[in-house]
Amino acid sequence: MHTTKAVGKGTGLAIAHQIVVEKHGGAIAVNSTLGEATEFLITLTVKGG
């Protein structure tokens, strides 16, 4: 993930990355078209119980 902010000064996306990727082993992908739309895809694995 890329950011121009200092360490510890995360944005919402940085916090989402910590939760989804680092804590839950998921993934976040971004599809964006300049001036039109941005789509965030969040993938989590569901473990059977």
PDB file of N, CA and C in Angstrom:
ATOM      1  N   MET A   1       0.844  -1.174   0.000  1.00  0.00           N
ATOM      2  CA  MET A   1       0.000   0.000   0.000  1.00  0.00           C
ATOM      3  C   MET A   1       0.890   1.237   0.000  1.00  0.00           C
ATOM      4  N   HIS A   2       0.470   2.258  -0.715  1.00  0.00           N
ATOM      5  CA  HIS A   2       1.240   3.490  -0.820  1.00  0.00           C
ATOM      6  C   HIS A   2       0.520   4.622  -0.098  1.00  0.00           C
ATOM      7  N   THR A   3       1.272   5.412   0.627  1.00  0.00           N
ATOM      8  CA  THR A   3       0.721   6.616   1.264  1.00  0.00           C
ATOM      9  C   THR A   3       1.810   7.668   1.373  1.00  0.00           C
ATOM     10  N   THR A   4       1.414   8.918   1.408  1.00  0.00           N
ATOM     11  CA  THR A   4       2.385  10.006   1.577  1.00  0.00           C
ATOM     12  C   THR A   4       2.389  10.498   3.017  1.00  0.00           C
ATOM     13  N   LYS A   5       1.561   9.899   3.858  1.00  0.00           N
ATOM     14  CA  LYS A   5       1.482  10.316   5.259  1.00  0.00           C
ATOM     15  C   LYS A   5       2.572   9.633   6.089  1.00  0.00           C
ATOM     16  N   ALA A   6       2.919  10.268   7.190  1.00  0.00           N
ATOM     17  CA  ALA A   6       3.932   9.718   8.095  1.00  0.00           C
ATOM     18  C   ALA A   6       3.403   8.464   8.790  1.00  0.00           C
ATOM     19  N   VAL A   7       4.317   7.611   9.235  1.00  0.00           N
ATOM     20  CA  VAL A   7       3.950   6.409   9.969  1.00  0.00           C
ATOM     21  C   VAL A   7       3.134   6.795  11.191  1.00  0.00           C
ATOM     22  N   GLY A   8       2.033   6.080  11.405  1.00  0.00           N
ATOM     23  CA  GLY A   8       1.168   6.374  12.538  1.00  0.00           C
ATOM     24  C   GLY A   8       0.111   7.431  12.252  1.00  0.00           C
ATOM     25  N   LYS A   9       0.131   7.993  11.060  1.00  0.00           N
ATOM     26  CA  LYS A   9      -0.845   9.014  10.671  1.00  0.00           C
ATOM     27  C   LYS A   9      -1.722   8.484   9.545  1.00  0.00           C
ATOM     28  N   GLY A  10      -2.206   7.247   9.720  1.00  0.00           N
ATOM     29  CA  GLY A  10      -2.942   6.561   8.663  1.00  0.00           C
ATOM     30  C   GLY A  10      -4.294   7.157   8.345  1.00  0.00           C
ATOM     31  N   THR A  11      -4.709   6.911   7.138  1.00  0.00           N
ATOM     32  CA  THR A  11      -6.044   7.304   6.688  1.00  0.00           C
ATOM     33  C   THR A  11      -6.976   6.122   6.884  1.00  0.00           C
ATOM     34  N   GLY A  12      -8.229   6.283   6.549  1.00  0.00           N
ATOM     35  CA  GLY A  12      -9.188   5.188   6.645  1.00  0.00           C
ATOM     36  C   GLY A  12      -8.756   3.976   5.854  1.00  0.00           C
ATOM     37  N   LEU A  13      -8.172   4.199   4.669  1.00  0.00           N
ATOM     38  CA  LEU A  13      -7.729   3.072   3.847  1.00  0.00           C
ATOM     39  C   LEU A  13      -6.567   2.329   4.506  1.00  0.00           C
ATOM     40  N   ALA A  14      -5.677   3.055   5.154  1.00  0.00           N
ATOM     41  CA  ALA A  14      -4.563   2.411   5.859  1.00  0.00           C
ATOM     42  C   ALA A  14      -5.082   1.570   7.021  1.00  0.00           C
ATOM     43  N   ILE A  15      -6.083   2.082   7.710  1.00  0.00           N
ATOM     44  CA  ILE A  15      -6.676   1.330   8.815  1.00  0.00           C
ATOM     45  C   ILE A  15      -7.391   0.094   8.281  1.00  0.00           C
ATOM     46  N   ALA A  16      -8.123   0.254   7.183  1.00  0.00           N
ATOM     47  CA  ALA A  16      -8.795  -0.897   6.555  1.00  0.00           C
ATOM     48  C   ALA A  16      -7.770  -1.948   6.149  1.00  0.00           C
ATOM     49  N   HIS A  17      -6.632  -1.524   5.621  1.00  0.00           N
ATOM     50  CA  HIS A  17      -5.568  -2.453   5.224  1.00  0.00           C
ATOM     51  C   HIS A  17      -5.065  -3.229   6.434  1.00  0.00           C
ATOM     52  N   GLN A  18      -4.855  -2.552   7.545  1.00  0.00           N
ATOM     53  CA  GLN A  18      -4.393  -3.233   8.751  1.00  0.00           C
ATOM     54  C   GLN A  18      -5.390  -4.307   9.181  1.00  0.00           C
ATOM     55  N   ILE A  19      -6.661  -3.973   9.163  1.00  0.00           N
ATOM     56  CA  ILE A  19      -7.682  -4.918   9.613  1.00  0.00           C
ATOM     57  C   ILE A  19      -7.845  -6.071   8.632  1.00  0.00           C
ATOM     58  N   VAL A  20      -8.054  -5.757   7.365  1.00  0.00           N
ATOM     59  CA  VAL A  20      -8.361  -6.784   6.367  1.00  0.00           C
ATOM     60  C   VAL A  20      -7.147  -7.651   6.049  1.00  0.00           C
ATOM     61  N   VAL A  21      -6.010  -7.031   5.762  1.00  0.00           N
ATOM     62  CA  VAL A  21      -4.834  -7.772   5.293  1.00  0.00           C
ATOM     63  C   VAL A  21      -4.004  -8.320   6.447  1.00  0.00           C
ATOM     64  N   GLU A  22      -3.601  -7.454   7.367  1.00  0.00           N
ATOM     65  CA  GLU A  22      -2.677  -7.873   8.415  1.00  0.00           C
ATOM     66  C   GLU A  22      -3.346  -8.739   9.481  1.00  0.00           C
ATOM     67  N   LYS A  23      -4.556  -8.400   9.882  1.00  0.00           N
ATOM     68  CA  LYS A  23      -5.209  -9.148  10.960  1.00  0.00           C
ATOM     69  C   LYS A  23      -6.000 -10.352  10.472  1.00  0.00           C
ATOM     70  N   HIS A  24      -6.569 -10.271   9.255  1.00  0.00           N
ATOM     71  CA  HIS A  24      -7.449 -11.335   8.786  1.00  0.00           C
ATOM     72  C   HIS A  24      -6.947 -12.067   7.552  1.00  0.00           C
ATOM     73  N   GLY A  25      -5.776 -11.702   7.032  1.00  0.00           N
ATOM     74  CA  GLY A  25      -5.200 -12.401   5.881  1.00  0.00           C
ATOM     75  C   GLY A  25      -5.977 -12.232   4.595  1.00  0.00           C
ATOM     76  N   GLY A  26      -6.761 -11.178   4.496  1.00  0.00           N
ATOM     77  CA  GLY A  26      -7.547 -10.907   3.296  1.00  0.00           C
ATOM     78  C   GLY A  26      -6.774 -10.060   2.306  1.00  0.00           C
ATOM     79  N   ALA A  27      -7.505  -9.452   1.398  1.00  0.00           N
ATOM     80  CA  ALA A  27      -6.881  -8.622   0.362  1.00  0.00           C
ATOM     81  C   ALA A  27      -7.785  -7.447   0.040  1.00  0.00           C
ATOM     82  N   ILE A  28      -7.167  -6.340  -0.374  1.00  0.00           N
ATOM     83  CA  ILE A  28      -7.894  -5.175  -0.860  1.00  0.00           C
ATOM     84  C   ILE A  28      -7.321  -4.828  -2.233  1.00  0.00           C
ATOM     85  N   ALA A  29      -8.213  -4.694  -3.218  1.00  0.00           N
ATOM     86  CA  ALA A  29      -7.806  -4.284  -4.563  1.00  0.00           C
ATOM     87  C   ALA A  29      -8.597  -3.033  -4.926  1.00  0.00           C
ATOM     88  N   VAL A  30      -8.027  -2.216  -5.804  1.00  0.00           N
ATOM     89  CA  VAL A  30      -8.677  -0.974  -6.210  1.00  0.00           C
ATOM     90  C   VAL A  30      -8.706  -0.894  -7.728  1.00  0.00           C
ATOM     91  N   ASN A  31      -9.889  -0.597  -8.262  1.00  0.00           N
ATOM     92  CA  ASN A  31     -10.049  -0.302  -9.689  1.00  0.00           C
ATOM     93  C   ASN A  31     -10.513   1.136  -9.774  1.00  0.00           C
ATOM     94  N   SER A  32      -9.811   1.958 -10.555  1.00  0.00           N
ATOM     95  CA  SER A  32     -10.158   3.367 -10.606  1.00  0.00           C
ATOM     96  C   SER A  32     -10.027   3.912 -12.020  1.00  0.00           C
ATOM     97  N   THR A  33     -10.996   4.741 -12.394  1.00  0.00           N
ATOM     98  CA  THR A  33     -10.947   5.456 -13.664  1.00  0.00           C
ATOM     99  C   THR A  33     -10.988   6.937 -13.331  1.00  0.00           C
ATOM    100  N   LEU A  34      -9.925   7.642 -13.671  1.00  0.00           N
ATOM    101  CA  LEU A  34      -9.779   9.056 -13.333  1.00  0.00           C
ATOM    102  C   LEU A  34     -11.005   9.861 -13.767  1.00  0.00           C
ATOM    103  N   GLY A  35     -11.564  10.587 -12.830  1.00  0.00           N
ATOM    104  CA  GLY A  35     -12.701  11.438 -13.113  1.00  0.00           C
ATOM    105  C   GLY A  35     -14.035  10.723 -13.201  1.00  0.00           C
ATOM    106  N   GLU A  36     -14.040   9.400 -13.012  1.00  0.00           N
ATOM    107  CA  GLU A  36     -15.292   8.655 -13.134  1.00  0.00           C
ATOM    108  C   GLU A  36     -15.672   7.931 -11.851  1.00  0.00           C
ATOM    109  N   ALA A  37     -14.916   6.903 -11.492  1.00  0.00           N
ATOM    110  CA  ALA A  37     -15.314   6.091 -10.343  1.00  0.00           C
ATOM    111  C   ALA A  37     -14.115   5.347  -9.773  1.00  0.00           C
ATOM    112  N   THR A  38     -14.255   4.944  -8.520  1.00  0.00           N
ATOM    113  CA  THR A  38     -13.269   4.092  -7.865  1.00  0.00           C
ATOM    114  C   THR A  38     -14.013   2.969  -7.179  1.00  0.00           C
ATOM    115  N   GLU A  39     -13.511   1.748  -7.368  1.00  0.00           N
ATOM    116  CA  GLU A  39     -14.130   0.558  -6.787  1.00  0.00           C
ATOM    117  C   GLU A  39     -13.106  -0.134  -5.898  1.00  0.00           C
ATOM    118  N   PHE A  40     -13.491  -0.425  -4.658  1.00  0.00           N
ATOM    119  CA  PHE A  40     -12.634  -1.146  -3.726  1.00  0.00           C
ATOM    120  C   PHE A  40     -13.179  -2.559  -3.576  1.00  0.00           C
ATOM    121  N   LEU A  41     -12.328  -3.553  -3.799  1.00  0.00           N
ATOM    122  CA  LEU A  41     -12.723  -4.949  -3.677  1.00  0.00           C
ATOM    123  C   LEU A  41     -12.043  -5.534  -2.443  1.00  0.00           C
ATOM    124  N   ILE A  42     -12.846  -6.012  -1.507  1.00  0.00           N
ATOM    125  CA  ILE A  42     -12.314  -6.574  -0.272  1.00  0.00           C
ATOM    126  C   ILE A  42     -12.611  -8.073  -0.268  1.00  0.00           C
ATOM    127  N   THR A  43     -11.556  -8.873  -0.095  1.00  0.00           N
ATOM    128  CA  THR A  43     -11.696 -10.319  -0.105  1.00  0.00           C
ATOM    129  C   THR A  43     -11.299 -10.878   1.260  1.00  0.00           C
ATOM    130  N   LEU A  44     -12.188 -11.675   1.850  1.00  0.00           N
ATOM    131  CA  LEU A  44     -11.924 -12.349   3.112  1.00  0.00           C
ATOM    132  C   LEU A  44     -12.214 -13.833   2.940  1.00  0.00           C
ATOM    133  N   THR A  45     -11.436 -14.669   3.595  1.00  0.00           N
ATOM    134  CA  THR A  45     -11.668 -16.099   3.572  1.00  0.00           C
ATOM    135  C   THR A  45     -12.573 -16.468   4.750  1.00  0.00           C
ATOM    136  N   VAL A  46     -13.600 -17.235   4.445  1.00  0.00           N
ATOM    137  CA  VAL A  46     -14.514 -17.680   5.490  1.00  0.00           C
ATOM    138  C   VAL A  46     -14.135 -19.114   5.849  1.00  0.00           C
ATOM    139  N   LYS A  47     -13.790 -19.316   7.127  1.00  0.00           N
ATOM    140  CA  LYS A  47     -13.406 -20.641   7.590  1.00  0.00           C
ATOM    141  C   LYS A  47     -14.634 -21.362   8.113  1.00  0.00           C
ATOM    142  N   GLY A  48     -14.812 -22.609   7.678  1.00  0.00           N
ATOM    143  CA  GLY A  48     -15.951 -23.403   8.131  1.00  0.00           C
ATOM    144  C   GLY A  48     -15.784 -23.803   9.584  1.00  0.00           C
ATOM    145  N   GLY A  49     -16.871 -23.992  10.275  1.00  0.00           N
ATOM    146  CA  GLY A  49     -16.798 -24.301  11.688  1.00  0.00           C
ATOM    147  C   GLY A  49     -17.530 -25.494  12.013  1.00  0.00           C
TER     148      GLY A  49
END
